[in-house]
Amino acid sequence: MATVSNDDDHKPFMFLGKDVSKIPCFRNSYFYGILGGIASGLGCFMLTSKPKKAVNVGFGSFFVISTSYWILCRYNYSITEKRMNELKDVIIEKKSGQL
């Protein structure tokens, strides 16, 4: 039977003093970077049969994919946060204006 874990069961993974599971976009950016790096490295190895080149391509694509996804995700996150804060301000103004 599947159970849902609570925050009490959460064991944080700390990096530079921060819990990385609480950093927005961290999980997805590294997940896609790792998958992209493995896929491109294997693809390069299948085409060229040169392990050193395949490793270089894999690490390079991991870095590019992770960084690109991180930047795009953080940009979208900041835009969403800005809109949410604007919406909160409008709601607060409407409530204070009605009272």
PDB file of N, CA and C in Angstrom:
ATOM      1  N   MET A   1       0.835  -1.163   0.000  1.00  0.00           N
ATOM      2  CA  MET A   1       0.000   0.000   0.000  1.00  0.00           C
ATOM      3  C   MET A   1       0.890   1.239   0.000  1.00  0.00           C
ATOM      4  N   ALA A   2       0.598   2.192  -0.869  1.00  0.00           N
ATOM      5  CA  ALA A   2       1.393   3.410  -0.981  1.00  0.00           C
ATOM      6  C   ALA A   2       1.020   4.386   0.121  1.00  0.00           C
ATOM      7  N   THR A   3       2.021   5.039   0.640  1.00  0.00           N
ATOM      8  CA  THR A   3       1.784   6.044   1.666  1.00  0.00           C
ATOM      9  C   THR A   3       2.345   7.379   1.204  1.00  0.00           C
ATOM     10  N   VAL A   4       1.750   8.427   1.685  1.00  0.00           N
ATOM     11  CA  VAL A   4       2.212   9.766   1.365  1.00  0.00           C
ATOM     12  C   VAL A   4       3.120  10.224   2.495  1.00  0.00           C
ATOM     13  N   SER A   5       4.305  10.683   2.138  1.00  0.00           N
ATOM     14  CA  SER A   5       5.231  11.110   3.179  1.00  0.00           C
ATOM     15  C   SER A   5       4.911  12.537   3.613  1.00  0.00           C
ATOM     16  N   ASN A   6       5.102  12.777   4.880  1.00  0.00           N
ATOM     17  CA  ASN A   6       4.896  14.106   5.438  1.00  0.00           C
ATOM     18  C   ASN A   6       6.210  14.864   5.447  1.00  0.00           C
ATOM     19  N   ASP A   7       6.142  16.150   5.753  1.00  0.00           N
ATOM     20  CA  ASP A   7       7.358  16.929   5.895  1.00  0.00           C
ATOM     21  C   ASP A   7       8.157  16.491   7.107  1.00  0.00           C
ATOM     22  N   ASP A   8       7.492  15.827   8.076  1.00  0.00           N
ATOM     23  CA  ASP A   8       8.197  15.329   9.252  1.00  0.00           C
ATOM     24  C   ASP A   8       9.175  14.219   8.875  1.00  0.00           C
ATOM     25  N   ASP A   9       8.847  13.434   7.837  1.00  0.00           N
ATOM     26  CA  ASP A   9       9.696  12.337   7.393  1.00  0.00           C
ATOM     27  C   ASP A   9      10.825  12.811   6.483  1.00  0.00           C
ATOM     28  N   HIS A  10      10.781  14.067   6.084  1.00  0.00           N
ATOM     29  CA  HIS A  10      11.726  14.618   5.116  1.00  0.00           C
ATOM     30  C   HIS A  10      13.121  14.729   5.720  1.00  0.00           C
ATOM     31  N   LYS A  11      14.091  14.105   5.069  1.00  0.00           N
ATOM     32  CA  LYS A  11      15.484  14.237   5.480  1.00  0.00           C
ATOM     33  C   LYS A  11      16.152  15.170   4.476  1.00  0.00           C
ATOM     34  N   PRO A  12      16.510  16.377   4.901  1.00  0.00           N
ATOM     35  CA  PRO A  12      17.033  17.356   3.942  1.00  0.00           C
ATOM     36  C   PRO A  12      18.409  16.971   3.420  1.00  0.00           C
ATOM     37  N   PHE A  13      18.620  17.277   2.157  1.00  0.00           N
ATOM     38  CA  PHE A  13      19.931  17.144   1.535  1.00  0.00           C
ATOM     39  C   PHE A  13      20.537  18.538   1.504  1.00  0.00           C
ATOM     40  N   MET A  14      21.522  18.768   2.357  1.00  0.00           N
ATOM     41  CA  MET A  14      22.084  20.099   2.520  1.00  0.00           C
ATOM     42  C   MET A  14      23.278  20.287   1.592  1.00  0.00           C
ATOM     43  N   PHE A  15      23.307  21.452   0.934  1.00  0.00           N
ATOM     44  CA  PHE A  15      24.425  21.839   0.079  1.00  0.00           C
ATOM     45  C   PHE A  15      24.680  23.317   0.295  1.00  0.00           C
ATOM     46  N   LEU A  16      25.868  23.651   0.752  1.00  0.00           N
ATOM     47  CA  LEU A  16      26.239  25.032   1.080  1.00  0.00           C
ATOM     48  C   LEU A  16      25.268  25.657   2.077  1.00  0.00           C
ATOM     49  N   GLY A  17      24.794  24.863   3.016  1.00  0.00           N
ATOM     50  CA  GLY A  17      23.928  25.361   4.063  1.00  0.00           C
ATOM     51  C   GLY A  17      22.469  25.501   3.692  1.00  0.00           C
ATOM     52  N   LYS A  18      22.076  25.024   2.518  1.00  0.00           N
ATOM     53  CA  LYS A  18      20.680  25.121   2.097  1.00  0.00           C
ATOM     54  C   LYS A  18      20.139  23.739   1.761  1.00  0.00           C
ATOM     55  N   ASP A  19      18.860  23.551   2.035  1.00  0.00           N
ATOM     56  CA  ASP A  19      18.182  22.317   1.669  1.00  0.00           C
ATOM     57  C   ASP A  19      17.811  22.421   0.191  1.00  0.00           C
ATOM     58  N   VAL A  20      18.459  21.612  -0.658  1.00  0.00           N
ATOM     59  CA  VAL A  20      18.264  21.750  -2.094  1.00  0.00           C
ATOM     60  C   VAL A  20      16.856  21.366  -2.544  1.00  0.00           C
ATOM     61  N   SER A  21      16.136  20.597  -1.737  1.00  0.00           N
ATOM     62  CA  SER A  21      14.777  20.236  -2.133  1.00  0.00           C
ATOM     63  C   SER A  21      13.821  21.420  -2.016  1.00  0.00           C
ATOM     64  N   LYS A  22      14.240  22.452  -1.301  1.00  0.00           N
ATOM     65  CA  LYS A  22      13.393  23.636  -1.148  1.00  0.00           C
ATOM     66  C   LYS A  22      13.759  24.747  -2.126  1.00  0.00           C
ATOM     67  N   ILE A  23      14.780  24.539  -2.950  1.00  0.00           N
ATOM     68  CA  ILE A  23      15.170  25.527  -3.946  1.00  0.00           C
ATOM     69  C   ILE A  23      14.306  25.311  -5.187  1.00  0.00           C
ATOM     70  N   PRO A  24      13.556  26.341  -5.607  1.00  0.00           N
ATOM     71  CA  PRO A  24      12.714  26.180  -6.796  1.00  0.00           C
ATOM     72  C   PRO A  24      13.551  25.864  -8.032  1.00  0.00           C
ATOM     73  N   CYS A  25      13.083  24.952  -8.832  1.00  0.00           N
ATOM     74  CA  CYS A  25      13.672  24.570 -10.121  1.00  0.00           C
ATOM     75  C   CYS A  25      14.917  23.688 -10.008  1.00  0.00           C
ATOM     76  N   PHE A  26      15.423  23.420  -8.826  1.00  0.00           N
ATOM     77  CA  PHE A  26      16.652  22.634  -8.687  1.00  0.00           C
ATOM     78  C   PHE A  26      16.463  21.212  -9.188  1.00  0.00           C
ATOM     79  N   ARG A  27      15.411  20.581  -8.713  1.00  0.00           N
ATOM     80  CA  ARG A  27      15.189  19.175  -9.033  1.00  0.00           C
ATOM     81  C   ARG A  27      15.014  18.958 -10.534  1.00  0.00           C
ATOM     82  N   ASN A  28      14.132  19.742 -11.143  1.00  0.00           N
ATOM     83  CA  ASN A  28      13.852  19.549 -12.563  1.00  0.00           C
ATOM     84  C   ASN A  28      15.047  19.890 -13.447  1.00  0.00           C
ATOM     85  N   SER A  29      15.770  20.954 -13.126  1.00  0.00           N
ATOM     86  CA  SER A  29      16.892  21.334 -13.980  1.00  0.00           C
ATOM     87  C   SER A  29      17.974  20.253 -13.973  1.00  0.00           C
ATOM     88  N   TYR A  30      18.286  19.706 -12.810  1.00  0.00           N
ATOM     89  CA  TYR A  30      19.296  18.658 -12.774  1.00  0.00           C
ATOM     90  C   TYR A  30      18.776  17.329 -13.318  1.00  0.00           C
ATOM     91  N   PHE A  31      17.518  17.061 -13.142  1.00  0.00           N
ATOM     92  CA  PHE A  31      16.943  15.840 -13.701  1.00  0.00           C
ATOM     93  C   PHE A  31      17.052  15.849 -15.229  1.00  0.00           C
ATOM     94  N   TYR A  32      16.612  16.953 -15.851  1.00  0.00           N
ATOM     95  CA  TYR A  32      16.686  17.037 -17.301  1.00  0.00           C
ATOM     96  C   TYR A  32      18.124  17.124 -17.788  1.00  0.00           C
ATOM     97  N   GLY A  33      18.991  17.764 -17.021  1.00  0.00           N
ATOM     98  CA  GLY A  33      20.393  17.832 -17.408  1.00  0.00           C
ATOM     99  C   GLY A  33      21.057  16.471 -17.396  1.00  0.00           C
ATOM    100  N   ILE A  34      20.773  15.692 -16.360  1.00  0.00           N
ATOM    101  CA  ILE A  34      21.357  14.350 -16.273  1.00  0.00           C
ATOM    102  C   ILE A  34      20.840  13.462 -17.400  1.00  0.00           C
ATOM    103  N   LEU A  35      19.532  13.493 -17.612  1.00  0.00           N
ATOM    104  CA  LEU A  35      18.980  12.666 -18.700  1.00  0.00           C
ATOM    105  C   LEU A  35      19.522  13.087 -20.062  1.00  0.00           C
ATOM    106  N   GLY A  36      19.591  14.386 -20.288  1.00  0.00           N
ATOM    107  CA  GLY A  36      20.120  14.873 -21.568  1.00  0.00           C
ATOM    108  C   GLY A  36      21.580  14.540 -21.747  1.00  0.00           C
ATOM    109  N   GLY A  37      22.368  14.625 -20.670  1.00  0.00           N
ATOM    110  CA  GLY A  37      23.782  14.294 -20.754  1.00  0.00           C
ATOM    111  C   GLY A  37      24.011  12.817 -21.041  1.00  0.00           C
ATOM    112  N   ILE A  38      23.230  11.972 -20.368  1.00  0.00           N
ATOM    113  CA  ILE A  38      23.363  10.530 -20.617  1.00  0.00           C
ATOM    114  C   ILE A  38      22.958  10.189 -22.050  1.00  0.00           C
ATOM    115  N   ALA A  39      21.844  10.760 -22.493  1.00  0.00           N
ATOM    116  CA  ALA A  39      21.364  10.461 -23.845  1.00  0.00           C
ATOM    117  C   ALA A  39      22.340  10.952 -24.910  1.00  0.00           C
ATOM    118  N   SER A  40      22.844  12.175 -24.751  1.00  0.00           N
ATOM    119  CA  SER A  40      23.767  12.691 -25.762  1.00  0.00           C
ATOM    120  C   SER A  40      25.111  11.972 -25.718  1.00  0.00           C
ATOM    121  N   GLY A  41      25.577  11.616 -24.518  1.00  0.00           N
ATOM    122  CA  GLY A  41      26.825  10.858 -24.421  1.00  0.00           C
ATOM    123  C   GLY A  41      26.712   9.482 -25.048  1.00  0.00           C
ATOM    124  N   LEU A  42      25.616   8.796 -24.747  1.00  0.00           N
ATOM    125  CA  LEU A  42      25.414   7.472 -25.371  1.00  0.00           C
ATOM    126  C   LEU A  42      25.236   7.581 -26.882  1.00  0.00           C
ATOM    127  N   GLY A  43      24.500   8.590 -27.298  1.00  0.00           N
ATOM    128  CA  GLY A  43      24.304   8.786 -28.742  1.00  0.00           C
ATOM    129  C   GLY A  43      25.610   9.067 -29.451  1.00  0.00           C
ATOM    130  N   CYS A  44      26.440   9.899 -28.857  1.00  0.00           N
ATOM    131  CA  CYS A  44      27.739  10.209 -29.446  1.00  0.00           C
ATOM    132  C   CYS A  44      28.634   8.967 -29.473  1.00  0.00           C
ATOM    133  N   PHE A  45      28.576   8.177 -28.417  1.00  0.00           N
ATOM    134  CA  PHE A  45      29.390   6.962 -28.392  1.00  0.00           C
ATOM    135  C   PHE A  45      28.923   5.969 -29.443  1.00  0.00           C
ATOM    136  N   MET A  46      27.601   5.869 -29.618  1.00  0.00           N
ATOM    137  CA  MET A  46      27.077   4.935 -30.627  1.00  0.00           C
ATOM    138  C   MET A  46      27.474   5.364 -32.039  1.00  0.00           C
ATOM    139  N   LEU A  47      27.557   6.669 -32.265  1.00  0.00           N
ATOM    140  CA  LEU A  47      27.910   7.157 -33.599  1.00  0.00           C
ATOM    141  C   LEU A  47      29.413   7.143 -33.861  1.00  0.00           C
ATOM    142  N   THR A  48      30.229   7.466 -32.853  1.00  0.00           N
ATOM    143  CA  THR A  48      31.664   7.629 -33.095  1.00  0.00           C
ATOM    144  C   THR A  48      32.522   6.511 -32.512  1.00  0.00           C
ATOM    145  N   SER A  49      32.054   5.797 -31.506  1.00  0.00           N
ATOM    146  CA  SER A  49      32.823   4.760 -30.801  1.00  0.00           C
ATOM    147  C   SER A  49      34.089   5.317 -30.159  1.00  0.00           C
ATOM    148  N   LYS A  50      34.038   6.599 -29.772  1.00  0.00           N
ATOM    149  CA  LYS A  50      35.173   7.225 -29.090  1.00  0.00           C
ATOM    150  C   LYS A  50      34.707   7.604 -27.682  1.00  0.00           C
ATOM    151  N   PRO A  51      35.161   6.855 -26.673  1.00  0.00           N
ATOM    152  CA  PRO A  51      34.665   7.095 -25.319  1.00  0.00           C
ATOM    153  C   PRO A  51      35.006   8.479 -24.764  1.00  0.00           C
ATOM    154  N   LYS A  52      36.218   8.967 -25.035  1.00  0.00           N
ATOM    155  CA  LYS A  52      36.604  10.268 -24.492  1.00  0.00           C
ATOM    156  C   LYS A  52      35.719  11.374 -25.068  1.00  0.00           C
ATOM    157  N   LYS A  53      35.470  11.321 -26.345  1.00  0.00           N
ATOM    158  CA  LYS A  53      34.618  12.325 -26.974  1.00  0.00           C
ATOM    159  C   LYS A  53      33.188  12.213 -26.448  1.00  0.00           C
ATOM    160  N   ALA A  54      32.709  10.996 -26.261  1.00  0.00           N
ATOM    161  CA  ALA A  54      31.354  10.787 -25.764  1.00  0.00           C
ATOM    162  C   ALA A  54      31.198  11.349 -24.349  1.00  0.00           C
ATOM    163  N   VAL A  55      32.212  11.159 -23.511  1.00  0.00           N
ATOM    164  CA  VAL A  55      32.168  11.695 -22.150  1.00  0.00           C
ATOM    165  C   VAL A  55      32.163  13.221 -22.193  1.00  0.00           C
ATOM    166  N   ASN A  56      33.005  13.794 -23.043  1.00  0.00           N
ATOM    167  CA  ASN A  56      33.044  15.252 -23.167  1.00  0.00           C
ATOM    168  C   ASN A  56      31.709  15.809 -23.651  1.00  0.00           C
ATOM    169  N   VAL A  57      31.112  15.157 -24.626  1.00  0.00           N
ATOM    170  CA  VAL A  57      29.812  15.592 -25.135  1.00  0.00           C
ATOM    171  C   VAL A  57      28.746  15.442 -24.056  1.00  0.00           C
ATOM    172  N   GLY A  58      28.787  14.339 -23.318  1.00  0.00           N
ATOM    173  CA  GLY A  58      27.820  14.108 -22.250  1.00  0.00           C
ATOM    174  C   GLY A  58      27.887  15.164 -21.162  1.00  0.00           C
ATOM    175  N   PHE A  59      29.110  15.458 -20.675  1.00  0.00           N
ATOM    176  CA  PHE A  59      29.261  16.480 -19.635  1.00  0.00           C
ATOM    177  C   PHE A  59      28.910  17.868 -20.158  1.00  0.00           C
ATOM    178  N   GLY A  60      29.311  18.138 -21.380  1.00  0.00           N
ATOM    179  CA  GLY A  60      28.988  19.442 -21.963  1.00  0.00           C
ATOM    180  C   GLY A  60      27.493  19.645 -22.116  1.00  0.00           C
ATOM    181  N   SER A  61      26.805  18.625 -22.600  1.00  0.00           N
ATOM    182  CA  SER A  61      25.358  18.754 -22.772  1.00  0.00           C
ATOM    183  C   SER A  61      24.648  18.797 -21.425  1.00  0.00           C
ATOM    184  N   PHE A  62      25.169  18.063 -20.412  1.00  0.00           N
ATOM    185  CA  PHE A  62      24.607  18.155 -19.066  1.00  0.00           C
ATOM    186  C   PHE A  62      24.681  19.591 -18.562  1.00  0.00           C
ATOM    187  N   PHE A  63      25.842  20.212 -18.713  1.00  0.00           N
ATOM    188  CA  PHE A  63      26.034  21.575 -18.246  1.00  0.00           C
ATOM    189  C   PHE A  63      25.117  22.548 -18.984  1.00  0.00           C
ATOM    190  N   VAL A  64      25.061  22.445 -20.301  1.00  0.00           N
ATOM    191  CA  VAL A  64      24.246  23.372 -21.101  1.00  0.00           C
ATOM    192  C   VAL A  64      22.762  23.187 -20.803  1.00  0.00           C
ATOM    193  N   ILE A  65      22.298  21.952 -20.753  1.00  0.00           N
ATOM    194  CA  ILE A  65      20.882  21.685 -20.507  1.00  0.00           C
ATOM    195  C   ILE A  65      20.488  22.121 -19.097  1.00  0.00           C
ATOM    196  N   SER A  66      21.293  21.773 -18.098  1.00  0.00           N
ATOM    197  CA  SER A  66      20.973  22.150 -16.717  1.00  0.00           C
ATOM    198  C   SER A  66      20.935  23.662 -16.548  1.00  0.00           C
ATOM    199  N   THR A  67      21.939  24.337 -17.079  1.00  0.00           N
ATOM    200  CA  THR A  67      22.000  25.791 -16.953  1.00  0.00           C
ATOM    201  C   THR A  67      20.862  26.469 -17.701  1.00  0.00           C
ATOM    202  N   SER A  68      20.589  26.014 -18.912  1.00  0.00           N
ATOM    203  CA  SER A  68      19.510  26.617 -19.700  1.00  0.00           C
ATOM    204  C   SER A  68      18.160  26.416 -19.035  1.00  0.00           C
ATOM    205  N   TYR A  69      17.898  25.209 -18.578  1.00  0.00           N
ATOM    206  CA  TYR A  69      16.617  24.940 -17.927  1.00  0.00           C
ATOM    207  C   TYR A  69      16.503  25.720 -16.618  1.00  0.00           C
ATOM    208  N   TRP A  70      17.595  25.829 -15.869  1.00  0.00           N
ATOM    209  CA  TRP A  70      17.590  26.580 -14.613  1.00  0.00           C
ATOM    210  C   TRP A  70      17.232  28.043 -14.869  1.00  0.00           C
ATOM    211  N   ILE A  71      17.876  28.657 -15.866  1.00  0.00           N
ATOM    212  CA  ILE A  71      17.620  30.070 -16.182  1.00  0.00           C
ATOM    213  C   ILE A  71      16.183  30.271 -16.619  1.00  0.00           C
ATOM    214  N   LEU A  72      15.697  29.426 -17.505  1.00  0.00           N
ATOM    215  CA  LEU A  72      14.321  29.548 -17.992  1.00  0.00           C
ATOM    216  C   LEU A  72      13.316  29.332 -16.865  1.00  0.00           C
ATOM    217  N   CYS A  73      13.535  28.323 -16.038  1.00  0.00           N
ATOM    218  CA  CYS A  73      12.620  28.024 -14.940  1.00  0.00           C
ATOM    219  C   CYS A  73      12.622  29.142 -13.903  1.00  0.00           C
ATOM    220  N   ARG A  74      13.788  29.664 -13.547  1.00  0.00           N
ATOM    221  CA  ARG A  74      13.859  30.748 -12.570  1.00  0.00           C
ATOM    222  C   ARG A  74      13.218  32.025 -13.114  1.00  0.00           C
ATOM    223  N   TYR A  75      13.353  32.280 -14.399  1.00  0.00           N
ATOM    224  CA  TYR A  75      12.700  33.442 -14.998  1.00  0.00           C
ATOM    225  C   TYR A  75      11.182  33.301 -14.881  1.00  0.00           C
ATOM    226  N   ASN A  76      10.664  32.139 -15.261  1.00  0.00           N
ATOM    227  CA  ASN A  76       9.219  31.906 -15.144  1.00  0.00           C
ATOM    228  C   ASN A  76       8.757  31.960 -13.695  1.00  0.00           C
ATOM    229  N   TYR A  77       9.573  31.456 -12.787  1.00  0.00           N
ATOM    230  CA  TYR A  77       9.243  31.484 -11.356  1.00  0.00           C
ATOM    231  C   TYR A  77       9.167  32.920 -10.843  1.00  0.00           C
ATOM    232  N   SER A  78      10.118  33.751 -11.256  1.00  0.00           N
ATOM    233  CA  SER A  78      10.113  35.136 -10.790  1.00  0.00           C
ATOM    234  C   SER A  78       8.936  35.915 -11.363  1.00  0.00           C
ATOM    235  N   ILE A  79       8.576  35.640 -12.614  1.00  0.00           N
ATOM    236  CA  ILE A  79       7.405  36.288 -13.211  1.00  0.00           C
ATOM    237  C   ILE A  79       6.140  35.868 -12.467  1.00  0.00           C
ATOM    238  N   THR A  80       6.015  34.601 -12.157  1.00  0.00           N
ATOM    239  CA  THR A  80       4.849  34.104 -11.423  1.00  0.00           C
ATOM    240  C   THR A  80       4.782  34.703 -10.023  1.00  0.00           C
ATOM    241  N   GLU A  81       5.923  34.777  -9.336  1.00  0.00           N
ATOM    242  CA  GLU A  81       5.958  35.379  -8.005  1.00  0.00           C
ATOM    243  C   GLU A  81       5.545  36.848  -8.054  1.00  0.00           C
ATOM    244  N   LYS A  82       6.024  37.555  -9.057  1.00  0.00           N
ATOM    245  CA  LYS A  82       5.675  38.970  -9.195  1.00  0.00           C
ATOM    246  C   LYS A  82       4.174  39.126  -9.403  1.00  0.00           C
ATOM    247  N   ARG A  83       3.589  38.314 -10.262  1.00  0.00           N
ATOM    248  CA  ARG A  83       2.144  38.378 -10.509  1.00  0.00           C
ATOM    249  C   ARG A  83       1.346  38.010  -9.261  1.00  0.00           C
ATOM    250  N   MET A  84       1.818  37.020  -8.512  1.00  0.00           N
ATOM    251  CA  MET A  84       1.123  36.630  -7.284  1.00  0.00           C
ATOM    252  C   MET A  84       1.160  37.760  -6.256  1.00  0.00           C
ATOM    253  N   ASN A  85       2.298  38.425  -6.135  1.00  0.00           N
ATOM    254  CA  ASN A  85       2.390  39.541  -5.197  1.00  0.00           C
ATOM    255  C   ASN A  85       1.490  40.699  -5.611  1.00  0.00           C
ATOM    256  N   GLU A  86       1.410  40.971  -6.920  1.00  0.00           N
ATOM    257  CA  GLU A  86       0.505  42.013  -7.402  1.00  0.00           C
ATOM    258  C   GLU A  86      -0.946  41.647  -7.104  1.00  0.00           C
ATOM    259  N   LEU A  87      -1.289  40.392  -7.297  1.00  0.00           N
ATOM    260  CA  LEU A  87      -2.648  39.933  -7.025  1.00  0.00           C
ATOM    261  C   LEU A  87      -2.971  40.030  -5.534  1.00  0.00           C
ATOM    262  N   LYS A  88      -2.013  39.679  -4.675  1.00  0.00           N
ATOM    263  CA  LYS A  88      -2.216  39.820  -3.230  1.00  0.00           C
ATOM    264  C   LYS A  88      -2.471  41.273  -2.857  1.00  0.00           C
ATOM    265  N   ASP A  89      -1.711  42.192  -3.454  1.00  0.00           N
ATOM    266  CA  ASP A  89      -1.898  43.611  -3.164  1.00  0.00           C
ATOM    267  C   ASP A  89      -3.280  44.087  -3.589  1.00  0.00           C
ATOM    268  N   VAL A  90      -3.743  43.640  -4.750  1.00  0.00           N
ATOM    269  CA  VAL A  90      -5.085  44.024  -5.231  1.00  0.00           C
ATOM    270  C   VAL A  90      -6.153  43.490  -4.292  1.00  0.00           C
ATOM    271  N   ILE A  91      -6.010  42.250  -3.861  1.00  0.00           N
ATOM    272  CA  ILE A  91      -6.992  41.652  -2.937  1.00  0.00           C
ATOM    273  C   ILE A  91      -7.024  42.410  -1.619  1.00  0.00           C
ATOM    274  N   ILE A  92      -5.856  42.759  -1.094  1.00  0.00           N
ATOM    275  CA  ILE A  92      -5.786  43.500   0.160  1.00  0.00           C
ATOM    276  C   ILE A  92      -6.421  44.879   0.003  1.00  0.00           C
ATOM    277  N   GLU A  93      -6.170  45.544  -1.126  1.00  0.00           N
ATOM    278  CA  GLU A  93      -6.762  46.864  -1.367  1.00  0.00           C
ATOM    279  C   GLU A  93      -8.285  46.788  -1.464  1.00  0.00           C
ATOM    280  N   LYS A  94      -8.784  45.762  -2.127  1.00  0.00           N
ATOM    281  CA  LYS A  94     -10.241  45.616  -2.263  1.00  0.00           C
ATOM    282  C   LYS A  94     -10.881  45.333  -0.917  1.00  0.00           C
ATOM    283  N   LYS A  95     -10.243  44.484  -0.098  1.00  0.00           N
ATOM    284  CA  LYS A  95     -10.807  44.173   1.215  1.00  0.00           C
ATOM    285  C   LYS A  95     -10.800  45.413   2.098  1.00  0.00           C
ATOM    286  N   SER A  96      -9.746  46.182   2.094  1.00  0.00           N
ATOM    287  CA  SER A  96      -9.675  47.364   2.946  1.00  0.00           C
ATOM    288  C   SER A  96     -10.605  48.464   2.434  1.00  0.00           C
ATOM    289  N   GLY A  97     -10.886  48.501   1.141  1.00  0.00           N
ATOM    290  CA  GLY A  97     -11.780  49.498   0.586  1.00  0.00           C
ATOM    291  C   GLY A  97     -13.238  49.200   0.892  1.00  0.00           C
ATOM    292  N   GLN A  98     -13.591  47.932   1.065  1.00  0.00           N
ATOM    293  CA  GLN A  98     -14.973  47.551   1.346  1.00  0.00           C
ATOM    294  C   GLN A  98     -15.332  47.737   2.806  1.00  0.00           C
ATOM    295  N   LEU A  99     -14.378  47.683   3.703  1.00  0.00           N
ATOM    296  CA  LEU A  99     -14.656  47.779   5.134  1.00  0.00           C
ATOM    297  C   LEU A  99     -14.843  49.172   5.537  1.00  0.00           C
TER     298      LEU A  99
END
